[in-house]
Amino acid sequence: MEKKLTLVQTVVAAGVFSAISFWYGFMFGRESARKELGGLIDDLRRGNIESEASTPHNGS
C-alpha cells in the first residue's frame, strides 16, 4: 500500500519544522547576544568605559 501525504499534512509538517527552526534560532541568537553583551556589562560594572563611550557628544 502506498502512503501519500495530503496537502494538509504537508502544510502541518512544514509548520512544525518552521516552528522548531524558529525556536532554535531564537534561543541561539539570545544566547549569542547574552555572551556578547556580558563583557560590555562587566566592563560597565567595573568602570572600564572605553574612551569613545565616555566622551560627550557635541550636538550640531
N, C-alpha and C. Protein backbone atom coordinates (compact mmCIF):
# COMPACT_ATOMS: atom_id res chain seq x y z
N MET A 1 0.84 -1.18 0.00
CA MET A 1 0.00 0.00 0.00
C MET A 1 0.89 1.24 0.00
N GLU A 2 0.56 2.17 -0.84
CA GLU A 2 1.33 3.40 -0.98
C GLU A 2 0.79 4.45 -0.01
N LYS A 3 1.71 5.12 0.68
CA LYS A 3 1.29 6.14 1.63
C LYS A 3 1.55 7.51 1.00
N LYS A 4 0.52 8.33 0.91
CA LYS A 4 0.63 9.66 0.32
C LYS A 4 0.32 10.71 1.38
N LEU A 5 1.03 11.81 1.28
CA LEU A 5 0.76 12.94 2.17
C LEU A 5 -0.28 13.84 1.52
N THR A 6 -1.24 14.24 2.28
CA THR A 6 -2.21 15.20 1.76
C THR A 6 -1.63 16.60 1.90
N LEU A 7 -2.27 17.57 1.27
CA LEU A 7 -1.83 18.95 1.34
C LEU A 7 -1.83 19.44 2.79
N VAL A 8 -2.85 19.08 3.54
CA VAL A 8 -2.94 19.50 4.95
C VAL A 8 -1.79 18.92 5.76
N GLN A 9 -1.47 17.64 5.56
CA GLN A 9 -0.37 17.02 6.28
C GLN A 9 0.96 17.68 5.92
N THR A 10 1.13 18.02 4.66
CA THR A 10 2.36 18.69 4.22
C THR A 10 2.49 20.06 4.86
N VAL A 11 1.40 20.83 4.88
CA VAL A 11 1.42 22.16 5.48
C VAL A 11 1.68 22.07 6.98
N VAL A 12 1.07 21.10 7.64
CA VAL A 12 1.29 20.92 9.09
C VAL A 12 2.75 20.55 9.36
N ALA A 13 3.29 19.64 8.57
CA ALA A 13 4.70 19.24 8.75
C ALA A 13 5.63 20.43 8.53
N ALA A 14 5.35 21.23 7.51
CA ALA A 14 6.17 22.42 7.25
C ALA A 14 6.05 23.42 8.39
N GLY A 15 4.85 23.57 8.93
CA GLY A 15 4.64 24.48 10.05
C GLY A 15 5.39 24.05 11.30
N VAL A 16 5.36 22.76 11.59
CA VAL A 16 6.08 22.23 12.75
C VAL A 16 7.59 22.43 12.57
N PHE A 17 8.09 22.11 11.38
CA PHE A 17 9.51 22.31 11.10
C PHE A 17 9.89 23.78 11.24
N SER A 18 9.05 24.65 10.72
CA SER A 18 9.31 26.09 10.79
C SER A 18 9.32 26.57 12.25
N ALA A 19 8.38 26.10 13.04
CA ALA A 19 8.31 26.50 14.44
C ALA A 19 9.54 26.03 15.21
N ILE A 20 9.97 24.81 14.97
CA ILE A 20 11.16 24.28 15.65
C ILE A 20 12.41 25.06 15.21
N SER A 21 12.52 25.33 13.92
CA SER A 21 13.66 26.10 13.41
C SER A 21 13.69 27.50 14.02
N PHE A 22 12.52 28.14 14.10
CA PHE A 22 12.43 29.47 14.70
C PHE A 22 12.86 29.42 16.16
N TRP A 23 12.39 28.42 16.91
CA TRP A 23 12.72 28.31 18.34
C TRP A 23 14.22 28.14 18.55
N TYR A 24 14.84 27.24 17.78
CA TYR A 24 16.28 27.04 17.93
C TYR A 24 17.04 28.29 17.52
N GLY A 25 16.62 28.95 16.46
CA GLY A 25 17.28 30.19 16.03
C GLY A 25 17.14 31.28 17.07
N PHE A 26 15.96 31.40 17.66
CA PHE A 26 15.73 32.40 18.69
C PHE A 26 16.60 32.14 19.91
N MET A 27 16.66 30.89 20.35
CA MET A 27 17.44 30.56 21.53
C MET A 27 18.94 30.74 21.27
N PHE A 28 19.40 30.37 20.08
CA PHE A 28 20.81 30.54 19.74
C PHE A 28 21.17 32.02 19.68
N GLY A 29 20.31 32.82 19.07
CA GLY A 29 20.56 34.25 18.98
C GLY A 29 20.54 34.91 20.35
N ARG A 30 19.64 34.46 21.20
CA ARG A 30 19.55 35.01 22.55
C ARG A 30 20.82 34.71 23.35
N GLU A 31 21.28 33.48 23.25
CA GLU A 31 22.50 33.08 23.97
C GLU A 31 23.71 33.84 23.43
N SER A 32 23.77 33.99 22.11
CA SER A 32 24.87 34.71 21.50
C SER A 32 24.89 36.17 21.94
N ALA A 33 23.72 36.79 21.97
CA ALA A 33 23.63 38.18 22.41
C ALA A 33 24.00 38.31 23.88
N ARG A 34 23.59 37.34 24.68
CA ARG A 34 23.92 37.38 26.11
C ARG A 34 25.42 37.33 26.32
N LYS A 35 26.10 36.47 25.57
CA LYS A 35 27.55 36.36 25.69
C LYS A 35 28.23 37.64 25.21
N GLU A 36 27.72 38.19 24.11
CA GLU A 36 28.32 39.39 23.54
C GLU A 36 28.15 40.59 24.47
N LEU A 37 26.96 40.73 25.04
CA LEU A 37 26.70 41.86 25.91
C LEU A 37 27.24 41.65 27.32
N GLY A 38 27.50 40.40 27.68
CA GLY A 38 28.02 40.12 29.02
C GLY A 38 29.32 40.83 29.31
N GLY A 39 30.23 40.83 28.35
CA GLY A 39 31.51 41.51 28.51
C GLY A 39 31.33 43.01 28.67
N LEU A 40 30.44 43.58 27.88
CA LEU A 40 30.17 45.01 27.97
C LEU A 40 29.58 45.37 29.33
N ILE A 41 28.66 44.57 29.79
CA ILE A 41 28.05 44.81 31.10
C ILE A 41 29.08 44.71 32.21
N ASP A 42 29.95 43.73 32.14
CA ASP A 42 31.01 43.59 33.15
C ASP A 42 31.93 44.79 33.14
N ASP A 43 32.29 45.27 31.94
CA ASP A 43 33.15 46.45 31.84
C ASP A 43 32.47 47.67 32.46
N LEU A 44 31.20 47.83 32.19
CA LEU A 44 30.48 48.97 32.75
C LEU A 44 30.39 48.87 34.27
N ARG A 45 30.21 47.67 34.79
CA ARG A 45 30.14 47.49 36.25
C ARG A 45 31.47 47.80 36.90
N ARG A 46 32.57 47.47 36.22
CA ARG A 46 33.91 47.72 36.76
C ARG A 46 34.34 49.16 36.54
N GLY A 47 33.63 49.89 35.70
CA GLY A 47 34.02 51.27 35.41
C GLY A 47 35.03 51.36 34.28
N ASN A 48 35.23 50.30 33.54
CA ASN A 48 36.16 50.31 32.41
C ASN A 48 35.43 50.74 31.14
N ILE A 49 35.11 52.01 31.07
CA ILE A 49 34.37 52.51 29.92
C ILE A 49 35.38 52.96 28.88
N GLU A 50 35.13 52.58 27.63
CA GLU A 50 36.03 52.97 26.55
C GLU A 50 36.00 54.47 26.38
N SER A 51 37.10 55.04 25.89
CA SER A 51 37.18 56.48 25.75
C SER A 51 36.13 57.01 24.78
N GLU A 52 35.78 56.24 23.78
CA GLU A 52 34.77 56.66 22.81
C GLU A 52 33.41 56.83 23.48
N ALA A 53 33.09 55.93 24.40
CA ALA A 53 31.81 55.99 25.07
C ALA A 53 31.78 57.06 26.15
N SER A 54 32.94 57.43 26.70
CA SER A 54 32.97 58.37 27.81
C SER A 54 33.06 59.82 27.35
N THR A 55 33.41 60.07 26.10
CA THR A 55 33.49 61.45 25.63
C THR A 55 32.10 61.96 25.30
N PRO A 56 31.80 63.17 25.73
CA PRO A 56 30.48 63.72 25.42
C PRO A 56 30.36 64.04 23.94
N HIS A 57 29.18 63.86 23.42
CA HIS A 57 28.94 64.14 22.00
C HIS A 57 28.42 65.56 21.87
N ASN A 58 29.02 66.32 20.96
CA ASN A 58 28.57 67.68 20.72
C ASN A 58 27.43 67.67 19.73
N GLY A 59 26.36 68.36 20.04
CA GLY A 59 25.21 68.42 19.13
C GLY A 59 25.47 69.40 18.02
N SER A 60 25.04 69.09 16.83
CA SER A 60 25.24 70.01 15.69
C SER A 60 24.09 70.96 15.57
